[in-house]
Amino acid sequence: MTRTDRSRGMPDYVPLALRRDRLDDQPDARAKAIRTRRERFAALNDWINAQGGAWLTSVPGEPHVRMECLPWSPVPEGLADLGYHLRPEGDGERILPVAFVERFGRAADGTLVPITEGSTLPVMHRVAHAGIAMVRRFSFEL
């Protein structure tokens, strides 16, 4: 049976994580480290998005970072050049909104025809299709 504050009908129990004395015990250094990691994560995420073909999939502020990239992406080599030690985590799949693009030109009769390699027709219409792409997964410490 739990005790209650009879005037409000509320339990007087305060969880350990919310107790004021517990919050005062946490050092500012830990909060600063998390904030610094979040800032580094944001900067790294901006750089990766600018490169294209890769995504950070971990939670901002966590020291262990996970990344997925397309097989042709230059991001893993770029991160290695920046001093990060990437550990392969295997291959996987990712649904992309624009995995495949079809290009069409206009034939002499006005109909759209697919453009093939070596075709001299100008591209008149593009159709993007969502699809599943193979990705490589890596992890590293931030």
Protein backbone atom coordinates (compact mmCIF):
# COMPACT_ATOMS: atom_id res chain seq x y z
CA MET A 1 0.00 0.00 0.00
CA THR A 2 1.47 3.37 -1.02
CA ARG A 3 1.24 6.50 1.06
CA THR A 4 -0.60 9.42 -0.42
CA ASP A 5 -0.79 13.12 0.21
CA ARG A 6 -4.32 13.21 1.56
CA SER A 7 -4.93 16.82 0.53
CA ARG A 8 -4.43 16.07 -3.18
CA GLY A 9 -4.93 12.33 -3.35
CA MET A 10 -1.51 12.06 -5.07
CA PRO A 11 1.25 9.64 -4.07
CA ASP A 12 4.19 11.34 -2.33
CA TYR A 13 6.64 8.94 -3.99
CA VAL A 14 9.15 10.66 -6.31
CA PRO A 15 11.07 8.40 -8.72
CA LEU A 16 14.81 8.33 -8.11
CA ALA A 17 15.57 9.73 -11.57
CA LEU A 18 13.45 12.84 -10.83
CA ARG A 19 14.60 13.57 -7.29
CA ARG A 20 16.27 16.93 -6.98
CA ASP A 21 19.23 15.56 -5.02
CA ARG A 22 19.79 12.98 -7.80
CA LEU A 23 19.85 15.69 -10.50
CA ASP A 24 22.40 17.68 -8.51
CA ASP A 25 24.73 14.66 -8.44
CA GLN A 26 25.12 14.60 -12.24
CA PRO A 27 28.24 16.50 -13.26
CA ASP A 28 28.10 19.25 -15.85
CA ALA A 29 30.95 17.55 -17.70
CA ARG A 30 28.65 14.73 -18.81
CA ALA A 31 26.03 17.17 -20.13
CA LYS A 32 28.75 19.13 -21.94
CA ALA A 33 30.14 15.94 -23.48
CA ILE A 34 26.71 14.96 -24.79
CA ARG A 35 26.15 18.48 -26.15
CA THR A 36 29.58 18.41 -27.82
CA ARG A 37 28.84 14.99 -29.37
CA ARG A 38 25.51 16.29 -30.67
CA GLU A 39 27.24 19.26 -32.27
CA ARG A 40 29.87 16.99 -33.82
CA PHE A 41 27.13 14.62 -34.99
CA ALA A 42 25.24 17.51 -36.62
CA ALA A 43 28.37 18.75 -38.41
CA LEU A 44 29.24 15.22 -39.54
CA ASN A 45 25.66 14.62 -40.72
CA ASP A 46 25.75 17.86 -42.75
CA TRP A 47 29.04 16.78 -44.36
CA ILE A 48 27.69 13.29 -45.18
CA ASN A 49 24.47 14.70 -46.67
CA ALA A 50 26.53 17.05 -48.86
CA GLN A 51 28.55 14.07 -50.17
CA GLY A 52 25.42 12.10 -51.06
CA GLY A 53 24.63 8.40 -50.99
CA ALA A 54 25.02 7.90 -47.23
CA TRP A 55 22.94 8.32 -44.07
CA LEU A 56 23.68 8.36 -40.34
CA THR A 57 21.16 6.08 -38.64
CA SER A 58 22.13 6.44 -34.99
CA VAL A 59 20.73 8.79 -32.35
CA PRO A 60 22.43 12.21 -32.18
CA GLY A 61 24.65 12.48 -29.12
CA GLU A 62 25.44 8.79 -28.83
CA PRO A 63 29.15 7.94 -28.88
CA HIS A 64 28.60 4.90 -31.14
CA VAL A 65 27.55 6.02 -34.65
CA ARG A 66 26.01 3.82 -37.36
CA MET A 67 25.99 4.69 -41.04
CA GLU A 68 24.48 3.23 -44.20
CA CYS A 69 25.84 4.06 -47.65
CA LEU A 70 25.34 3.06 -51.25
CA PRO A 71 28.14 0.89 -52.69
CA TRP A 72 29.47 3.71 -54.90
CA SER A 73 29.46 6.36 -52.15
CA PRO A 74 32.78 8.09 -51.39
CA VAL A 75 31.77 8.72 -47.75
CA PRO A 76 33.56 5.73 -46.11
CA GLU A 77 36.88 6.71 -47.69
CA GLY A 78 36.29 10.35 -46.76
CA LEU A 79 35.59 9.44 -43.13
CA ALA A 80 38.74 7.29 -43.04
CA ASP A 81 40.71 10.27 -44.38
CA LEU A 82 39.24 12.37 -41.55
CA GLY A 83 40.60 9.88 -39.02
CA TYR A 84 37.51 7.82 -38.20
CA HIS A 85 38.02 4.06 -37.82
CA LEU A 86 35.08 2.44 -39.62
CA ARG A 87 34.02 -1.09 -38.73
CA PRO A 88 32.00 -2.96 -41.40
CA GLU A 89 28.62 -4.09 -40.09
CA GLY A 90 27.56 -6.03 -43.19
CA ASP A 91 25.21 -5.28 -46.05
CA GLY A 92 21.55 -4.39 -45.98
CA GLU A 93 18.73 -2.80 -47.93
CA ARG A 94 17.21 0.67 -47.88
CA ILE A 95 14.07 2.00 -49.56
CA LEU A 96 14.93 5.08 -51.60
CA PRO A 97 12.39 7.54 -53.02
CA VAL A 98 14.36 7.87 -56.27
CA ALA A 99 16.18 4.59 -56.77
CA PHE A 100 15.67 4.45 -60.54
CA VAL A 101 15.19 7.18 -63.14
CA GLU A 102 13.87 6.53 -66.64
CA ARG A 103 14.61 9.07 -69.37
CA PHE A 104 12.42 9.54 -72.41
CA GLY A 105 12.82 11.45 -75.65
CA ARG A 106 10.29 12.36 -78.34
CA ALA A 107 10.14 10.35 -81.52
CA ALA A 108 9.32 11.98 -84.87
CA ASP A 109 5.62 11.14 -84.41
CA GLY A 110 5.57 12.84 -80.97
CA THR A 111 5.45 9.72 -78.81
CA LEU A 112 7.78 9.25 -75.86
CA VAL A 113 10.47 6.63 -76.37
CA PRO A 114 13.00 5.38 -73.82
CA ILE A 115 16.46 6.81 -74.30
CA THR A 116 19.08 4.12 -74.69
CA GLU A 117 22.84 4.36 -74.40
CA GLY A 118 24.26 6.19 -77.41
CA SER A 119 20.95 7.85 -78.28
CA THR A 120 21.12 11.40 -79.62
CA LEU A 121 17.57 12.31 -78.63
CA PRO A 122 17.31 15.07 -76.03
CA VAL A 123 15.72 14.11 -72.72
CA MET A 124 12.14 15.40 -72.76
CA HIS A 125 10.69 13.58 -69.77
CA ARG A 126 12.06 11.90 -66.62
CA VAL A 127 10.21 9.40 -64.46
CA ALA A 128 11.56 8.60 -61.00
CA HIS A 129 10.68 5.33 -59.27
CA ALA A 130 11.09 4.38 -55.64
CA GLY A 131 12.94 1.16 -55.03
CA ILE A 132 15.06 -0.95 -52.75
CA ALA A 133 18.80 -0.39 -52.92
CA MET A 134 21.63 -2.42 -51.43
CA VAL A 135 23.66 -0.54 -48.81
CA ARG A 136 26.84 -1.13 -46.88
CA ARG A 137 26.67 -0.57 -43.10
CA PHE A 138 29.46 0.78 -40.94
CA SER A 139 29.88 1.86 -37.34
CA PHE A 140 32.46 4.08 -35.66
CA GLU A 141 33.08 6.08 -32.52
CA LEU A 142 32.34 9.78 -32.55
